[in-house]
PDB file of N, CA and C in Angstrom:
ATOM      1  N   MET A   1       8.504 -81.720 -40.485  1.00  0.00           N
ATOM      2  CA  MET A   1       7.064 -81.457 -40.899  1.00  0.00           C
ATOM      3  C   MET A   1       6.705 -80.962 -42.037  1.00  0.00           C
ATOM      4  N   PRO A   2       8.101 -80.435 -42.329  1.00  0.00           N
ATOM      5  CA  PRO A   2       7.826 -79.611 -44.090  1.00  0.00           C
ATOM      6  C   PRO A   2       6.974 -80.851 -45.178  1.00  0.00           C
ATOM      7  N   ASN A   3       7.406 -82.209 -44.451  1.00  0.00           N
ATOM      8  CA  ASN A   3       7.013 -82.703 -45.893  1.00  0.00           C
ATOM      9  C   ASN A   3       5.476 -83.299 -45.130  1.00  0.00           C
ATOM     10  N   LEU A   4       4.795 -82.853 -43.966  1.00  0.00           N
ATOM     11  CA  LEU A   4       3.475 -82.824 -44.201  1.00  0.00           C
ATOM     12  C   LEU A   4       2.594 -81.855 -44.367  1.00  0.00           C
ATOM     13  N   LYS A   5       3.255 -80.704 -44.804  1.00  0.00           N
ATOM     14  CA  LYS A   5       2.660 -79.577 -45.319  1.00  0.00           C
ATOM     15  C   LYS A   5       3.428 -79.587 -47.155  1.00  0.00           C
ATOM     16  N   GLN A   6       3.868 -80.598 -47.746  1.00  0.00           N
ATOM     17  CA  GLN A   6       3.756 -80.507 -48.736  1.00  0.00           C
ATOM     18  C   GLN A   6       2.844 -81.700 -48.966  1.00  0.00           C
ATOM     19  N   GLU A   7       3.021 -82.913 -48.738  1.00  0.00           N
ATOM     20  CA  GLU A   7       1.858 -83.755 -48.861  1.00  0.00           C
ATOM     21  C   GLU A   7       0.563 -82.681 -48.808  1.00  0.00           C
ATOM     22  N   GLN A   8       0.261 -81.872 -47.769  1.00  0.00           N
ATOM     23  CA  GLN A   8      -1.269 -81.568 -48.073  1.00  0.00           C
ATOM     24  C   GLN A   8      -1.758 -80.408 -48.794  1.00  0.00           C
ATOM     25  N   VAL A   9      -0.302 -79.729 -49.133  1.00  0.00           N
ATOM     26  CA  VAL A   9      -0.868 -78.840 -50.459  1.00  0.00           C
ATOM     27  C   VAL A   9      -1.281 -80.056 -51.559  1.00  0.00           C
ATOM     28  N   ASP A  10      -0.459 -80.711 -51.331  1.00  0.00           N
ATOM     29  CA  ASP A  10      -0.476 -81.265 -53.201  1.00  0.00           C
ATOM     30  C   ASP A  10      -1.602 -82.327 -52.943  1.00  0.00           C
ATOM     31  N   ARG A  11      -2.253 -82.691 -52.466  1.00  0.00           N
ATOM     32  CA  ARG A  11      -3.752 -83.219 -52.180  1.00  0.00           C
ATOM     33  C   ARG A  11      -4.503 -82.499 -52.030  1.00  0.00           C
ATOM     34  N   ASN A  12      -4.276 -81.499 -51.429  1.00  0.00           N
ATOM     35  CA  ASN A  12      -5.584 -80.410 -51.652  1.00  0.00           C
ATOM     36  C   ASN A  12      -5.527 -79.554 -53.387  1.00  0.00           C
ATOM     37  N   PHE A  13      -3.985 -79.861 -53.373  1.00  0.00           N
ATOM     38  CA  PHE A  13      -4.123 -79.056 -55.135  1.00  0.00           C
ATOM     39  C   PHE A  13      -5.307 -80.179 -56.580  1.00  0.00           C
ATOM     40  N   GLN A  14      -4.467 -81.511 -55.694  1.00  0.00           N
ATOM     41  CA  GLN A  14      -4.879 -82.375 -56.863  1.00  0.00           C
ATOM     42  C   GLN A  14      -6.694 -82.443 -56.607  1.00  0.00           C
ATOM     43  N   ALA A  15      -7.157 -82.262 -55.840  1.00  0.00           N
ATOM     44  CA  ALA A  15      -8.331 -82.494 -55.131  1.00  0.00           C
ATOM     45  C   ALA A  15      -9.203 -81.325 -55.911  1.00  0.00           C
ATOM     46  N   PHE A  16      -8.436 -79.761 -55.589  1.00  0.00           N
ATOM     47  CA  PHE A  16      -9.232 -78.861 -56.152  1.00  0.00           C
ATOM     48  C   PHE A  16      -9.305 -78.791 -57.349  1.00  0.00           C
ATOM     49  N   GLN A  17      -8.237 -79.309 -58.106  1.00  0.00           N
ATOM     50  CA  GLN A  17      -8.421 -79.062 -59.825  1.00  0.00           C
ATOM     51  C   GLN A  17      -9.510 -79.500 -59.989  1.00  0.00           C
ATOM     52  N   GLU A  18      -9.556 -81.001 -59.294  1.00  0.00           N
ATOM     53  CA  GLU A  18     -10.879 -82.048 -59.928  1.00  0.00           C
ATOM     54  C   GLU A  18     -12.534 -81.251 -59.175  1.00  0.00           C
ATOM     55  N   LEU A  19     -12.389 -80.733 -58.811  1.00  0.00           N
ATOM     56  CA  LEU A  19     -13.424 -80.112 -57.812  1.00  0.00           C
ATOM     57  C   LEU A  19     -13.873 -78.311 -59.022  1.00  0.00           C
ATOM     58  N   LEU A  20     -13.183 -77.704 -59.347  1.00  0.00           N
ATOM     59  CA  LEU A  20     -12.816 -76.831 -59.597  1.00  0.00           C
ATOM     60  C   LEU A  20     -13.896 -76.350 -60.846  1.00  0.00           C
ATOM     61  N   PRO A  21     -14.027 -76.918 -62.019  1.00  0.00           N
ATOM     62  CA  PRO A  21     -15.246 -76.889 -63.251  1.00  0.00           C
ATOM     63  C   PRO A  21     -16.919 -76.873 -62.100  1.00  0.00           C
ATOM     64  N   ALA A  22     -16.889 -77.730 -61.451  1.00  0.00           N
ATOM     65  CA  ALA A  22     -18.224 -77.272 -60.589  1.00  0.00           C
ATOM     66  C   ALA A  22     -17.978 -76.124 -59.952  1.00  0.00           C
ATOM     67  N   LEU A  23     -17.212 -75.644 -59.072  1.00  0.00           N
ATOM     68  CA  LEU A  23     -17.065 -74.058 -58.488  1.00  0.00           C
ATOM     69  C   LEU A  23     -17.218 -73.154 -59.202  1.00  0.00           C
ATOM     70  N   VAL A  24     -16.678 -72.874 -60.425  1.00  0.00           N
ATOM     71  CA  VAL A  24     -16.526 -71.651 -60.597  1.00  0.00           C
ATOM     72  C   VAL A  24     -18.134 -71.223 -61.202  1.00  0.00           C
ATOM     73  N   ALA A  25     -19.066 -71.987 -61.311  1.00  0.00           N
ATOM     74  CA  ALA A  25     -20.026 -71.178 -61.744  1.00  0.00           C
ATOM     75  C   ALA A  25     -20.872 -70.500 -60.597  1.00  0.00           C
ATOM     76  N   SER A  26     -20.356 -71.174 -59.450  1.00  0.00           N
ATOM     77  CA  SER A  26     -21.069 -70.703 -58.090  1.00  0.00           C
ATOM     78  C   SER A  26     -20.321 -69.854 -57.084  1.00  0.00           C
ATOM     79  N   GLN A  27     -18.800 -70.093 -56.989  1.00  0.00           N
ATOM     80  CA  GLN A  27     -18.217 -69.199 -56.575  1.00  0.00           C
ATOM     81  C   GLN A  27     -16.478 -68.968 -56.827  1.00  0.00           C
ATOM     82  N   ALA A  28     -17.101 -68.258 -58.173  1.00  0.00           N
ATOM     83  CA  ALA A  28     -16.183 -67.698 -58.936  1.00  0.00           C
ATOM     84  C   ALA A  28     -15.333 -66.321 -58.443  1.00  0.00           C
ATOM     85  N   GLY A  29     -13.685 -66.418 -58.077  1.00  0.00           N
ATOM     86  CA  GLY A  29     -13.223 -64.963 -57.309  1.00  0.00           C
ATOM     87  C   GLY A  29     -13.235 -65.456 -56.122  1.00  0.00           C
ATOM     88  N   LYS A  30     -13.674 -66.509 -55.305  1.00  0.00           N
ATOM     89  CA  LYS A  30     -13.752 -66.255 -53.781  1.00  0.00           C
ATOM     90  C   LYS A  30     -12.102 -67.271 -53.749  1.00  0.00           C
ATOM     91  N   PHE A  31     -11.865 -67.805 -52.477  1.00  0.00           N
ATOM     92  CA  PHE A  31     -10.826 -68.178 -51.606  1.00  0.00           C
ATOM     93  C   PHE A  31     -11.254 -69.791 -51.128  1.00  0.00           C
ATOM     94  N   ALA A  32     -10.643 -70.747 -51.524  1.00  0.00           N
ATOM     95  CA  ALA A  32     -10.763 -71.719 -50.689  1.00  0.00           C
ATOM     96  C   ALA A  32     -10.081 -72.427 -49.691  1.00  0.00           C
ATOM     97  N   LEU A  33     -10.461 -72.322 -48.404  1.00  0.00           N
ATOM     98  CA  LEU A  33      -9.322 -72.716 -47.629  1.00  0.00           C
ATOM     99  C   LEU A  33      -9.836 -74.415 -47.553  1.00  0.00           C
ATOM    100  N   MET A  34      -8.485 -75.429 -47.734  1.00  0.00           N
ATOM    101  CA  MET A  34      -8.892 -76.632 -47.467  1.00  0.00           C
ATOM    102  C   MET A  34      -8.075 -77.403 -46.703  1.00  0.00           C
ATOM    103  N   ARG A  35      -8.490 -78.415 -46.193  1.00  0.00           N
ATOM    104  CA  ARG A  35      -7.824 -79.166 -45.742  1.00  0.00           C
ATOM    105  C   ARG A  35      -8.206 -80.584 -46.077  1.00  0.00           C
ATOM    106  N   ASP A  36      -7.163 -81.933 -45.754  1.00  0.00           N
ATOM    107  CA  ASP A  36      -7.868 -82.481 -46.183  1.00  0.00           C
ATOM    108  C   ASP A  36      -7.950 -82.756 -47.427  1.00  0.00           C
ATOM    109  N   ALA A  37      -7.852 -82.438 -48.803  1.00  0.00           N
ATOM    110  CA  ALA A  37      -8.342 -82.286 -50.071  1.00  0.00           C
ATOM    111  C   ALA A  37      -9.825 -82.678 -50.233  1.00  0.00           C
ATOM    112  N   LYS A  38     -10.251 -81.849 -48.966  1.00  0.00           N
ATOM    113  CA  LYS A  38     -11.939 -80.753 -48.427  1.00  0.00           C
ATOM    114  C   LYS A  38     -11.520 -79.317 -48.192  1.00  0.00           C
ATOM    115  N   ILE A  39     -12.935 -78.664 -49.173  1.00  0.00           N
ATOM    116  CA  ILE A  39     -13.114 -77.726 -48.781  1.00  0.00           C
ATOM    117  C   ILE A  39     -13.939 -77.402 -47.657  1.00  0.00           C
ATOM    118  N   VAL A  40     -12.624 -76.561 -46.604  1.00  0.00           N
ATOM    119  CA  VAL A  40     -13.568 -76.135 -45.132  1.00  0.00           C
ATOM    120  C   VAL A  40     -14.546 -75.172 -45.396  1.00  0.00           C
ATOM    121  N   GLU A  41     -14.219 -74.076 -46.228  1.00  0.00           N
ATOM    122  CA  GLU A  41     -14.927 -72.614 -46.231  1.00  0.00           C
ATOM    123  C   GLU A  41     -14.585 -71.922 -47.514  1.00  0.00           C
ATOM    124  N   PHE A  42     -15.023 -71.222 -47.945  1.00  0.00           N
ATOM    125  CA  PHE A  42     -15.017 -70.100 -49.263  1.00  0.00           C
ATOM    126  C   PHE A  42     -14.750 -68.887 -48.303  1.00  0.00           C
ATOM    127  N   PHE A  43     -13.578 -67.271 -48.687  1.00  0.00           N
ATOM    128  CA  PHE A  43     -13.862 -66.843 -48.345  1.00  0.00           C
ATOM    129  C   PHE A  43     -13.407 -65.619 -49.454  1.00  0.00           C
ATOM    130  N   ASP A  44     -13.666 -64.429 -49.477  1.00  0.00           N
ATOM    131  CA  ASP A  44     -13.634 -63.619 -50.496  1.00  0.00           C
ATOM    132  C   ASP A  44     -11.976 -62.600 -51.027  1.00  0.00           C
ATOM    133  N   THR A  45     -11.176 -63.106 -49.729  1.00  0.00           N
ATOM    134  CA  THR A  45      -9.548 -62.375 -49.371  1.00  0.00           C
ATOM    135  C   THR A  45      -9.218 -63.947 -49.373  1.00  0.00           C
ATOM    136  N   ALA A  46      -7.646 -63.812 -50.135  1.00  0.00           N
ATOM    137  CA  ALA A  46      -6.978 -64.836 -49.194  1.00  0.00           C
ATOM    138  C   ALA A  46      -6.357 -64.529 -48.218  1.00  0.00           C
ATOM    139  N   ARG A  47      -6.034 -63.071 -47.509  1.00  0.00           N
ATOM    140  CA  ARG A  47      -6.031 -62.941 -46.729  1.00  0.00           C
ATOM    141  C   ARG A  47      -7.242 -63.244 -45.431  1.00  0.00           C
ATOM    142  N   ASP A  48      -8.044 -63.552 -45.487  1.00  0.00           N
ATOM    143  CA  ASP A  48      -9.280 -63.856 -44.373  1.00  0.00           C
ATOM    144  C   ASP A  48      -9.427 -65.378 -44.553  1.00  0.00           C
ATOM    145  N   ALA A  49      -8.648 -66.477 -45.905  1.00  0.00           N
ATOM    146  CA  ALA A  49      -8.898 -67.516 -45.902  1.00  0.00           C
ATOM    147  C   ALA A  49      -7.888 -68.226 -45.023  1.00  0.00           C
ATOM    148  N   GLN A  50      -6.731 -67.358 -44.893  1.00  0.00           N
ATOM    149  CA  GLN A  50      -5.213 -67.638 -44.210  1.00  0.00           C
ATOM    150  C   GLN A  50      -5.619 -67.306 -42.860  1.00  0.00           C
ATOM    151  N   VAL A  51      -6.312 -66.474 -42.408  1.00  0.00           N
ATOM    152  CA  VAL A  51      -6.428 -66.008 -40.588  1.00  0.00           C
ATOM    153  C   VAL A  51      -7.272 -66.990 -40.537  1.00  0.00           C
ATOM    154  N   ALA A  52      -8.604 -67.393 -41.160  1.00  0.00           N
ATOM    155  CA  ALA A  52      -8.869 -68.546 -40.508  1.00  0.00           C
ATOM    156  C   ALA A  52      -8.381 -70.035 -40.529  1.00  0.00           C
ATOM    157  N   GLY A  53      -7.957 -70.448 -41.616  1.00  0.00           N
ATOM    158  CA  GLY A  53      -6.765 -71.495 -41.172  1.00  0.00           C
ATOM    159  C   GLY A  53      -6.356 -71.202 -40.299  1.00  0.00           C
ATOM    160  N   ALA A  54      -5.411 -70.540 -39.864  1.00  0.00           N
ATOM    161  CA  ALA A  54      -4.656 -70.134 -38.929  1.00  0.00           C
ATOM    162  C   ALA A  54      -4.666 -70.727 -37.611  1.00  0.00           C
ATOM    163  N   LYS A  55      -6.507 -69.834 -37.788  1.00  0.00           N
ATOM    164  CA  LYS A  55      -7.224 -70.502 -36.131  1.00  0.00           C
ATOM    165  C   LYS A  55      -7.341 -71.710 -36.576  1.00  0.00           C
ATOM    166  N   LEU A  56      -8.363 -72.076 -37.128  1.00  0.00           N
ATOM    167  CA  LEU A  56      -9.092 -73.681 -37.337  1.00  0.00           C
ATOM    168  C   LEU A  56      -7.654 -74.631 -37.108  1.00  0.00           C
ATOM    169  N   PHE A  57      -6.620 -74.373 -37.818  1.00  0.00           N
ATOM    170  CA  PHE A  57      -5.483 -75.616 -37.796  1.00  0.00           C
ATOM    171  C   PHE A  57      -3.936 -75.009 -37.651  1.00  0.00           C
ATOM    172  N   PRO A  58      -4.085 -75.290 -36.244  1.00  0.00           N
ATOM    173  CA  PRO A  58      -2.623 -74.279 -35.586  1.00  0.00           C
ATOM    174  C   PRO A  58      -1.333 -74.760 -36.192  1.00  0.00           C
ATOM    175  N   ASP A  59      -1.905 -76.273 -36.820  1.00  0.00           N
ATOM    176  CA  ASP A  59      -0.518 -77.277 -37.290  1.00  0.00           C
ATOM    177  C   ASP A  59      -0.242 -76.819 -38.788  1.00  0.00           C
ATOM    178  N   GLU A  60      -1.220 -75.683 -38.882  1.00  0.00           N
ATOM    179  CA  GLU A  60      -0.619 -74.824 -40.377  1.00  0.00           C
ATOM    180  C   GLU A  60      -0.681 -75.654 -41.789  1.00  0.00           C
ATOM    181  N   LEU A  61      -1.532 -76.464 -41.112  1.00  0.00           N
ATOM    182  CA  LEU A  61      -1.615 -77.837 -42.381  1.00  0.00           C
ATOM    183  C   LEU A  61      -2.763 -77.755 -43.439  1.00  0.00           C
ATOM    184  N   PHE A  62      -3.150 -76.933 -44.383  1.00  0.00           N
ATOM    185  CA  PHE A  62      -3.760 -76.428 -45.104  1.00  0.00           C
ATOM    186  C   PHE A  62      -3.998 -75.396 -46.195  1.00  0.00           C
ATOM    187  N   SER A  63      -4.480 -75.427 -46.872  1.00  0.00           N
ATOM    188  CA  SER A  63      -4.091 -74.402 -48.005  1.00  0.00           C
ATOM    189  C   SER A  63      -4.804 -73.733 -49.326  1.00  0.00           C
ATOM    190  N   ILE A  64      -4.696 -72.791 -49.313  1.00  0.00           N
ATOM    191  CA  ILE A  64      -5.691 -71.521 -49.900  1.00  0.00           C
ATOM    192  C   ILE A  64      -5.491 -71.848 -51.648  1.00  0.00           C
ATOM    193  N   GLN A  65      -6.642 -71.502 -53.027  1.00  0.00           N
ATOM    194  CA  GLN A  65      -6.638 -71.622 -54.059  1.00  0.00           C
ATOM    195  C   GLN A  65      -7.870 -71.044 -54.293  1.00  0.00           C
ATOM    196  N   GLN A  66      -7.785 -70.244 -55.012  1.00  0.00           N
ATOM    197  CA  GLN A  66      -8.825 -69.202 -55.532  1.00  0.00           C
ATOM    198  C   GLN A  66      -9.514 -70.093 -56.852  1.00  0.00           C
ATOM    199  N   VAL A  67     -10.886 -69.226 -56.784  1.00  0.00           N
ATOM    200  CA  VAL A  67     -11.625 -69.896 -57.558  1.00  0.00           C
ATOM    201  C   VAL A  67     -11.414 -69.413 -58.848  1.00  0.00           C
ATOM    202  N   ILE A  68     -10.873 -70.200 -60.223  1.00  0.00           N
ATOM    203  CA  ILE A  68     -10.606 -69.278 -61.173  1.00  0.00           C
ATOM    204  C   ILE A  68     -10.963 -70.219 -62.429  1.00  0.00           C
ATOM    205  N   ALA A  69     -10.986 -70.044 -63.443  1.00  0.00           N
ATOM    206  CA  ALA A  69     -11.370 -70.907 -64.730  1.00  0.00           C
ATOM    207  C   ALA A  69     -10.075 -71.950 -64.721  1.00  0.00           C
ATOM    208  N   ALA A  70      -9.077 -71.706 -64.158  1.00  0.00           N
ATOM    209  CA  ALA A  70      -7.831 -72.169 -64.124  1.00  0.00           C
ATOM    210  C   ALA A  70      -6.794 -72.414 -63.383  1.00  0.00           C
ATOM    211  N   PRO A  71      -6.847 -73.896 -61.958  1.00  0.00           N
ATOM    212  CA  PRO A  71      -5.830 -73.386 -61.187  1.00  0.00           C
ATOM    213  C   PRO A  71      -4.644 -73.040 -61.317  1.00  0.00           C
ATOM    214  N   VAL A  72      -4.646 -72.389 -60.410  1.00  0.00           N
ATOM    215  CA  VAL A  72      -2.875 -71.407 -60.155  1.00  0.00           C
ATOM    216  C   VAL A  72      -1.942 -72.221 -58.993  1.00  0.00           C
ATOM    217  N   ASP A  73      -1.139 -73.286 -59.049  1.00  0.00           N
ATOM    218  CA  ASP A  73      -0.044 -73.309 -58.575  1.00  0.00           C
ATOM    219  C   ASP A  73       0.973 -72.375 -58.323  1.00  0.00           C
ATOM    220  N   LEU A  74       1.808 -71.745 -57.272  1.00  0.00           N
ATOM    221  CA  LEU A  74       2.495 -70.730 -56.961  1.00  0.00           C
ATOM    222  C   LEU A  74       3.583 -71.265 -56.056  1.00  0.00           C
ATOM    223  N   GLY A  75       2.977 -73.076 -56.185  1.00  0.00           N
ATOM    224  CA  GLY A  75       4.488 -73.433 -54.879  1.00  0.00           C
ATOM    225  C   GLY A  75       3.778 -73.642 -53.465  1.00  0.00           C
ATOM    226  N   PHE A  76       4.595 -73.531 -53.043  1.00  0.00           N
ATOM    227  CA  PHE A  76       4.420 -74.397 -51.577  1.00  0.00           C
ATOM    228  C   PHE A  76       3.777 -72.757 -51.004  1.00  0.00           C
ATOM    229  N   PHE A  77       4.600 -71.921 -50.720  1.00  0.00           N
ATOM    230  CA  PHE A  77       4.149 -70.096 -50.595  1.00  0.00           C
ATOM    231  C   PHE A  77       2.864 -69.854 -50.049  1.00  0.00           C
ATOM    232  N   SER A  78       2.686 -69.837 -51.807  1.00  0.00           N
ATOM    233  CA  SER A  78       1.009 -69.955 -51.834  1.00  0.00           C
ATOM    234  C   SER A  78      -0.078 -70.570 -51.257  1.00  0.00           C
ATOM    235  N   HIS A  79       0.514 -71.333 -50.377  1.00  0.00           N
ATOM    236  CA  HIS A  79      -0.652 -72.829 -50.142  1.00  0.00           C
ATOM    237  C   HIS A  79      -0.358 -72.832 -48.227  1.00  0.00           C
ATOM    238  N   ALA A  80       0.545 -72.479 -48.411  1.00  0.00           N
ATOM    239  CA  ALA A  80       0.915 -72.446 -46.855  1.00  0.00           C
ATOM    240  C   ALA A  80       1.793 -71.512 -45.938  1.00  0.00           C
ATOM    241  N   VAL A  81       1.616 -70.220 -46.060  1.00  0.00           N
ATOM    242  CA  VAL A  81       1.800 -69.458 -45.413  1.00  0.00           C
ATOM    243  C   VAL A  81       1.794 -69.705 -44.363  1.00  0.00           C
ATOM    244  N   PRO A  82       3.223 -68.858 -43.804  1.00  0.00           N
ATOM    245  CA  PRO A  82       3.248 -68.985 -42.141  1.00  0.00           C
ATOM    246  C   PRO A  82       2.456 -68.149 -41.105  1.00  0.00           C
ATOM    247  N   GLN A  83       2.322 -68.394 -39.872  1.00  0.00           N
ATOM    248  CA  GLN A  83       1.572 -67.288 -39.367  1.00  0.00           C
ATOM    249  C   GLN A  83       3.018 -65.978 -38.535  1.00  0.00           C
ATOM    250  N   ARG A  84       2.553 -64.866 -38.712  1.00  0.00           N
ATOM    251  CA  ARG A  84       4.182 -63.670 -38.486  1.00  0.00           C
ATOM    252  C   ARG A  84       3.702 -63.528 -36.919  1.00  0.00           C
TER     253      ARG A  84
END
């Protein structure tokens, strides 16, 4: 399953980079919950996005990105935080 998670993270990050210029004007500072290279919903905090992602996707195949002028990729952990 780790390969599936990394593939999801990589696809989501690529899609996010492509969408980012259009998102900055309307969603700046928000956190995008992503799955299958699509934005599911925007949240005010990363924690809210993570909690929603865990509820919506029990397989944990989702990622979170903050809408800022330049995307930040902090690696696997920043995108797919396991439930505790």
